[in-house]
Amino acid sequence: MKDRFENTLGYLIFEIIVFFGLPTVMLVFKLRAIYNFVPIVDLCVALAVGFTFGRKHGGDWLMSIVSAIAFIPCVYIFYNSTAWIYVFVILLFSLLGVFIGAVFRNRGR
């Protein structure tokens, strides 16, 4: 289990930086007009990071769960209670990315 979590750590740190950094930048610089697009960017990041992880480490579902858990504090800090759906959507997008990456990994061998 420790090796599985260590494999996800670098990817998780990147996702946390994006999940927390992008809304913070939008709020600090008062970019309210494009603030509504932040969850879409988060979904794309979850998909891309999941794909990259899956391509390098194979289809490990732990990455998807950790991605969704990392987004939960963002719901409380930056969004309102209607953003809870994004936790599950990020889980699904990350899972999709991981398994597509795993397919590409197995196909390349």
C-alpha atoms as a PDB file:
ATOM      1  CA  MET A   1       0.000   0.000   0.000  1.00  0.00           C
ATOM      2  CA  LYS A   2       2.850   2.384   0.792  1.00  0.00           C
ATOM      3  CA  ASP A   3       4.321   2.007  -2.705  1.00  0.00           C
ATOM      4  CA  ARG A   4       0.934   2.662  -4.275  1.00  0.00           C
ATOM      5  CA  PHE A   5       0.541   5.916  -2.364  1.00  0.00           C
ATOM      6  CA  GLU A   6       4.127   6.973  -3.083  1.00  0.00           C
ATOM      7  CA  ASN A   7       3.414   6.537  -6.794  1.00  0.00           C
ATOM      8  CA  THR A   8       0.471   8.919  -6.552  1.00  0.00           C
ATOM      9  CA  LEU A   9       2.175  11.557  -4.409  1.00  0.00           C
ATOM     10  CA  GLY A  10       3.778  13.656  -7.165  1.00  0.00           C
ATOM     11  CA  TYR A  11       0.619  13.648  -9.235  1.00  0.00           C
ATOM     12  CA  LEU A  12      -1.446  14.496  -6.177  1.00  0.00           C
ATOM     13  CA  ILE A  13       0.743  17.485  -5.321  1.00  0.00           C
ATOM     14  CA  PHE A  14       0.296  18.837  -8.852  1.00  0.00           C
ATOM     15  CA  GLU A  15      -3.471  18.413  -8.641  1.00  0.00           C
ATOM     16  CA  ILE A  16      -3.617  20.136  -5.251  1.00  0.00           C
ATOM     17  CA  ILE A  17      -1.644  23.068  -6.628  1.00  0.00           C
ATOM     18  CA  VAL A  18      -4.108  23.405  -9.508  1.00  0.00           C
ATOM     19  CA  PHE A  19      -7.238  22.759  -7.423  1.00  0.00           C
ATOM     20  CA  PHE A  20      -6.287  25.409  -4.851  1.00  0.00           C
ATOM     21  CA  GLY A  21      -4.031  27.706  -6.859  1.00  0.00           C
ATOM     22  CA  LEU A  22      -6.300  28.516  -9.777  1.00  0.00           C
ATOM     23  CA  PRO A  23      -9.310  29.660  -7.702  1.00  0.00           C
ATOM     24  CA  THR A  24      -6.982  31.604  -5.413  1.00  0.00           C
ATOM     25  CA  VAL A  25      -5.468  33.468  -8.371  1.00  0.00           C
ATOM     26  CA  MET A  26      -8.932  34.160  -9.758  1.00  0.00           C
ATOM     27  CA  LEU A  27     -10.116  35.606  -6.446  1.00  0.00           C
ATOM     28  CA  VAL A  28      -6.974  37.622  -5.723  1.00  0.00           C
ATOM     29  CA  PHE A  29      -6.943  39.283  -9.143  1.00  0.00           C
ATOM     30  CA  LYS A  30     -10.745  39.633  -9.153  1.00  0.00           C
ATOM     31  CA  LEU A  31     -11.238  37.686 -12.365  1.00  0.00           C
ATOM     32  CA  ARG A  32     -14.881  36.893 -11.659  1.00  0.00           C
ATOM     33  CA  ALA A  33     -15.790  36.678 -15.352  1.00  0.00           C
ATOM     34  CA  ILE A  34     -13.744  33.517 -15.891  1.00  0.00           C
ATOM     35  CA  TYR A  35     -14.099  32.136 -12.341  1.00  0.00           C
ATOM     36  CA  ASN A  36     -17.003  29.984 -13.555  1.00  0.00           C
ATOM     37  CA  PHE A  37     -14.638  28.040 -15.812  1.00  0.00           C
ATOM     38  CA  VAL A  38     -12.397  26.890 -12.960  1.00  0.00           C
ATOM     39  CA  PRO A  39     -14.327  23.623 -12.312  1.00  0.00           C
ATOM     40  CA  ILE A  40     -14.053  22.759 -16.006  1.00  0.00           C
ATOM     41  CA  VAL A  41     -10.291  23.269 -15.832  1.00  0.00           C
ATOM     42  CA  ASP A  42     -10.206  21.081 -12.709  1.00  0.00           C
ATOM     43  CA  LEU A  43     -12.000  18.303 -14.587  1.00  0.00           C
ATOM     44  CA  CYS A  44      -9.555  18.534 -17.482  1.00  0.00           C
ATOM     45  CA  VAL A  45      -6.617  18.453 -15.068  1.00  0.00           C
ATOM     46  CA  ALA A  46      -8.056  15.373 -13.338  1.00  0.00           C
ATOM     47  CA  LEU A  47      -8.440  13.642 -16.702  1.00  0.00           C
ATOM     48  CA  ALA A  48      -4.942  14.591 -17.891  1.00  0.00           C
ATOM     49  CA  VAL A  49      -3.211  13.695 -14.636  1.00  0.00           C
ATOM     50  CA  GLY A  50      -5.138  10.418 -14.492  1.00  0.00           C
ATOM     51  CA  PHE A  51      -4.076   9.606 -18.036  1.00  0.00           C
ATOM     52  CA  THR A  52      -0.432  10.421 -17.305  1.00  0.00           C
ATOM     53  CA  PHE A  53      -0.504   8.353 -14.129  1.00  0.00           C
ATOM     54  CA  GLY A  54      -2.204   5.432 -15.864  1.00  0.00           C
ATOM     55  CA  ARG A  55       0.257   5.484 -18.705  1.00  0.00           C
ATOM     56  CA  LYS A  56       3.220   5.347 -16.345  1.00  0.00           C
ATOM     57  CA  HIS A  57       1.931   3.180 -13.470  1.00  0.00           C
ATOM     58  CA  GLY A  58      -0.999   1.232 -14.909  1.00  0.00           C
ATOM     59  CA  GLY A  59      -4.644   1.155 -13.885  1.00  0.00           C
ATOM     60  CA  ASP A  60      -4.559   1.883 -10.172  1.00  0.00           C
ATOM     61  CA  TRP A  61      -7.876   3.238  -8.908  1.00  0.00           C
ATOM     62  CA  LEU A  62      -6.250   4.730  -5.796  1.00  0.00           C
ATOM     63  CA  MET A  63      -5.182   7.773  -7.836  1.00  0.00           C
ATOM     64  CA  SER A  64      -8.798   8.576  -8.655  1.00  0.00           C
ATOM     65  CA  ILE A  65      -9.960   8.321  -5.062  1.00  0.00           C
ATOM     66  CA  VAL A  66      -7.116  10.502  -3.810  1.00  0.00           C
ATOM     67  CA  SER A  67      -7.891  13.106  -6.506  1.00  0.00           C
ATOM     68  CA  ALA A  68     -11.500  13.319  -5.413  1.00  0.00           C
ATOM     69  CA  ILE A  69     -10.553  13.548  -1.741  1.00  0.00           C
ATOM     70  CA  ALA A  70      -8.094  16.344  -2.536  1.00  0.00           C
ATOM     71  CA  PHE A  71     -10.910  18.361  -4.122  1.00  0.00           C
ATOM     72  CA  ILE A  72     -13.241  18.162  -1.094  1.00  0.00           C
ATOM     73  CA  PRO A  73     -11.669  21.109   0.794  1.00  0.00           C
ATOM     74  CA  CYS A  74     -12.094  23.252  -2.332  1.00  0.00           C
ATOM     75  CA  VAL A  75     -15.841  22.800  -2.083  1.00  0.00           C
ATOM     76  CA  TYR A  76     -15.817  24.406   1.352  1.00  0.00           C
ATOM     77  CA  ILE A  77     -13.224  27.084   0.629  1.00  0.00           C
ATOM     78  CA  PHE A  78     -14.029  28.330  -2.880  1.00  0.00           C
ATOM     79  CA  TYR A  79     -17.461  27.053  -3.890  1.00  0.00           C
ATOM     80  CA  ASN A  80     -20.882  26.485  -2.376  1.00  0.00           C
ATOM     81  CA  SER A  81     -22.686  23.264  -1.498  1.00  0.00           C
ATOM     82  CA  THR A  82     -23.787  22.670  -5.087  1.00  0.00           C
ATOM     83  CA  ALA A  83     -20.152  21.944  -5.992  1.00  0.00           C
ATOM     84  CA  TRP A  84     -20.277  18.560  -4.224  1.00  0.00           C
ATOM     85  CA  ILE A  85     -21.205  16.983  -7.545  1.00  0.00           C
ATOM     86  CA  TYR A  86     -17.760  17.928  -8.846  1.00  0.00           C
ATOM     87  CA  VAL A  87     -16.139  15.611  -6.304  1.00  0.00           C
ATOM     88  CA  PHE A  88     -17.849  12.647  -7.950  1.00  0.00           C
ATOM     89  CA  VAL A  89     -17.297  13.976 -11.458  1.00  0.00           C
ATOM     90  CA  ILE A  90     -13.580  14.467 -10.735  1.00  0.00           C
ATOM     91  CA  LEU A  91     -13.486  10.905  -9.420  1.00  0.00           C
ATOM     92  CA  LEU A  92     -15.038   9.634 -12.658  1.00  0.00           C
ATOM     93  CA  PHE A  93     -12.850  11.772 -14.944  1.00  0.00           C
ATOM     94  CA  SER A  94      -9.710  10.721 -13.095  1.00  0.00           C
ATOM     95  CA  LEU A  95     -10.770   7.086 -13.213  1.00  0.00           C
ATOM     96  CA  LEU A  96     -11.441   7.388 -16.924  1.00  0.00           C
ATOM     97  CA  GLY A  97      -8.024   8.965 -17.449  1.00  0.00           C
ATOM     98  CA  VAL A  98      -6.253   6.282 -15.427  1.00  0.00           C
ATOM     99  CA  PHE A  99      -7.844   3.449 -17.362  1.00  0.00           C
ATOM    100  CA  ILE A 100      -7.297   5.062 -20.762  1.00  0.00           C
ATOM    101  CA  GLY A 101      -3.663   5.629 -19.768  1.00  0.00           C
ATOM    102  CA  ALA A 102      -3.383   1.997 -18.686  1.00  0.00           C
ATOM    103  CA  VAL A 103      -4.714   0.882 -22.064  1.00  0.00           C
ATOM    104  CA  PHE A 104      -2.092   3.001 -23.822  1.00  0.00           C
ATOM    105  CA  ARG A 105       0.578   1.604 -21.506  1.00  0.00           C
ATOM    106  CA  ASN A 106      -0.365  -1.982 -22.301  1.00  0.00           C
ATOM    107  CA  ARG A 107      -0.697  -1.205 -25.986  1.00  0.00           C
ATOM    108  CA  GLY A 108       2.815   0.226 -26.148  1.00  0.00           C
ATOM    109  CA  ARG A 109       4.417  -2.957 -24.863  1.00  0.00           C
END
